Amino acid sequence: MTGPRRLGVARRVAVGAGADGRPLVVDGLQVDAVRESWLVEDRWWTERPLRRRYWEVVTVCGRDEVVFHDLIGGGWWRHR
């Protein structure tokens, strides 16, 4: 028997971004459109604050992706 499974685990993703931080390429696929962008700042009162810029994009093949840039630790991540 296994324990509970975590849902919505973020995974590393290769993103090429422009000077303004907007994703231009996600996993080798050109970004056709940005649907939305938002900033999440949480746990600022703890030793492990969270600060992320999320982007909902559509790639040229029509795939909808939600990726975020970790503004504290660096790196790009994908939510599925």
C-alpha atoms as a PDB file:
ATOM      1  CA  MET A   1       0.000   0.000   0.000  1.00  0.00           C
ATOM      2  CA  THR A   2       1.285   3.465  -0.835  1.00  0.00           C
ATOM      3  CA  GLY A   3       0.631   6.799   0.824  1.00  0.00           C
ATOM      4  CA  PRO A   4      -1.235   9.761  -0.580  1.00  0.00           C
ATOM      5  CA  ARG A   5      -0.084  11.202  -3.875  1.00  0.00           C
ATOM      6  CA  ARG A   6       0.644  14.922  -4.243  1.00  0.00           C
ATOM      7  CA  LEU A   7      -1.340  16.633  -6.956  1.00  0.00           C
ATOM      8  CA  GLY A   8      -0.087  19.544  -9.007  1.00  0.00           C
ATOM      9  CA  VAL A   9       3.610  19.005  -8.364  1.00  0.00           C
ATOM     10  CA  ALA A  10       5.718  21.543 -10.257  1.00  0.00           C
ATOM     11  CA  ARG A  11       8.402  20.171 -12.568  1.00  0.00           C
ATOM     12  CA  ARG A  12      11.452  21.892 -14.048  1.00  0.00           C
ATOM     13  CA  VAL A  13      10.995  23.168 -17.593  1.00  0.00           C
ATOM     14  CA  ALA A  14      13.310  24.798 -20.147  1.00  0.00           C
ATOM     15  CA  VAL A  15      12.118  28.342 -20.872  1.00  0.00           C
ATOM     16  CA  GLY A  16      13.678  31.021 -23.042  1.00  0.00           C
ATOM     17  CA  ALA A  17      12.496  34.423 -21.854  1.00  0.00           C
ATOM     18  CA  GLY A  18      12.740  37.943 -23.227  1.00  0.00           C
ATOM     19  CA  ALA A  19      14.353  40.884 -21.431  1.00  0.00           C
ATOM     20  CA  ASP A  20      10.987  41.661 -19.805  1.00  0.00           C
ATOM     21  CA  GLY A  21      10.757  38.105 -18.396  1.00  0.00           C
ATOM     22  CA  ARG A  22       8.013  36.994 -20.778  1.00  0.00           C
ATOM     23  CA  PRO A  23       8.422  33.377 -21.936  1.00  0.00           C
ATOM     24  CA  LEU A  24       9.234  33.141 -25.651  1.00  0.00           C
ATOM     25  CA  VAL A  25       9.988  29.399 -25.841  1.00  0.00           C
ATOM     26  CA  VAL A  26       8.749  26.575 -23.563  1.00  0.00           C
ATOM     27  CA  ASP A  27      10.378  23.157 -23.959  1.00  0.00           C
ATOM     28  CA  GLY A  28      11.541  24.066 -27.465  1.00  0.00           C
ATOM     29  CA  LEU A  29       8.109  25.287 -28.603  1.00  0.00           C
ATOM     30  CA  GLN A  30       7.625  28.933 -29.576  1.00  0.00           C
ATOM     31  CA  VAL A  31       5.070  30.833 -27.508  1.00  0.00           C
ATOM     32  CA  ASP A  32       2.269  32.123 -29.732  1.00  0.00           C
ATOM     33  CA  ALA A  33       0.368  34.109 -27.089  1.00  0.00           C
ATOM     34  CA  VAL A  34       0.408  35.069 -23.441  1.00  0.00           C
ATOM     35  CA  ARG A  35      -3.048  34.693 -21.935  1.00  0.00           C
ATOM     36  CA  GLU A  36      -2.287  35.942 -18.453  1.00  0.00           C
ATOM     37  CA  SER A  37       0.482  36.756 -16.015  1.00  0.00           C
ATOM     38  CA  TRP A  38       0.328  37.136 -12.244  1.00  0.00           C
ATOM     39  CA  LEU A  39       2.657  37.512  -9.275  1.00  0.00           C
ATOM     40  CA  VAL A  40       2.401  35.368  -6.145  1.00  0.00           C
ATOM     41  CA  GLU A  41       4.115  36.502  -2.951  1.00  0.00           C
ATOM     42  CA  ASP A  42       3.506  34.375   0.128  1.00  0.00           C
ATOM     43  CA  ARG A  43       5.156  33.224   3.346  1.00  0.00           C
ATOM     44  CA  TRP A  44       7.112  36.526   3.439  1.00  0.00           C
ATOM     45  CA  TRP A  45       7.030  36.298   7.242  1.00  0.00           C
ATOM     46  CA  THR A  46       8.880  32.945   7.295  1.00  0.00           C
ATOM     47  CA  GLU A  47      12.446  31.830   6.632  1.00  0.00           C
ATOM     48  CA  ARG A  48      11.271  30.387   3.293  1.00  0.00           C
ATOM     49  CA  PRO A  49       9.328  33.116   1.483  1.00  0.00           C
ATOM     50  CA  LEU A  50       7.727  32.403  -1.872  1.00  0.00           C
ATOM     51  CA  ARG A  51       7.839  34.823  -4.818  1.00  0.00           C
ATOM     52  CA  ARG A  52       6.833  33.591  -8.271  1.00  0.00           C
ATOM     53  CA  ARG A  53       5.805  35.140 -11.578  1.00  0.00           C
ATOM     54  CA  TYR A  54       3.271  32.869 -13.297  1.00  0.00           C
ATOM     55  CA  TRP A  55       2.555  32.906 -17.020  1.00  0.00           C
ATOM     56  CA  GLU A  56      -0.284  31.185 -18.867  1.00  0.00           C
ATOM     57  CA  VAL A  57       0.865  30.818 -22.469  1.00  0.00           C
ATOM     58  CA  VAL A  58      -0.234  29.114 -25.672  1.00  0.00           C
ATOM     59  CA  THR A  59       2.468  27.488 -27.800  1.00  0.00           C
ATOM     60  CA  VAL A  60       2.429  27.419 -31.609  1.00  0.00           C
ATOM     61  CA  CYS A  61       1.054  23.871 -31.549  1.00  0.00           C
ATOM     62  CA  GLY A  62      -1.951  25.077 -29.506  1.00  0.00           C
ATOM     63  CA  ARG A  63      -0.858  23.688 -26.148  1.00  0.00           C
ATOM     64  CA  ASP A  64      -1.918  25.716 -23.108  1.00  0.00           C
ATOM     65  CA  GLU A  65       0.861  25.860 -20.492  1.00  0.00           C
ATOM     66  CA  VAL A  66       1.197  27.402 -17.047  1.00  0.00           C
ATOM     67  CA  VAL A  67       4.816  28.068 -16.145  1.00  0.00           C
ATOM     68  CA  PHE A  68       6.375  30.124 -13.394  1.00  0.00           C
ATOM     69  CA  HIS A  69       9.720  31.724 -12.714  1.00  0.00           C
ATOM     70  CA  ASP A  70      10.942  31.337  -9.136  1.00  0.00           C
ATOM     71  CA  LEU A  71      12.016  34.905  -8.364  1.00  0.00           C
ATOM     72  CA  ILE A  72      13.903  33.890  -5.209  1.00  0.00           C
ATOM     73  CA  GLY A  73      15.553  30.565  -6.031  1.00  0.00           C
ATOM     74  CA  GLY A  74      15.675  30.977  -9.795  1.00  0.00           C
ATOM     75  CA  GLY A  75      14.636  28.502 -12.445  1.00  0.00           C
ATOM     76  CA  TRP A  76      11.485  27.864 -14.411  1.00  0.00           C
ATOM     77  CA  TRP A  77       8.784  25.366 -13.465  1.00  0.00           C
ATOM     78  CA  ARG A  78       5.645  23.924 -15.077  1.00  0.00           C
ATOM     79  CA  HIS A  79       2.292  23.187 -13.481  1.00  0.00           C
ATOM     80  CA  ARG A  80       0.109  20.548 -15.087  1.00  0.00           C
END
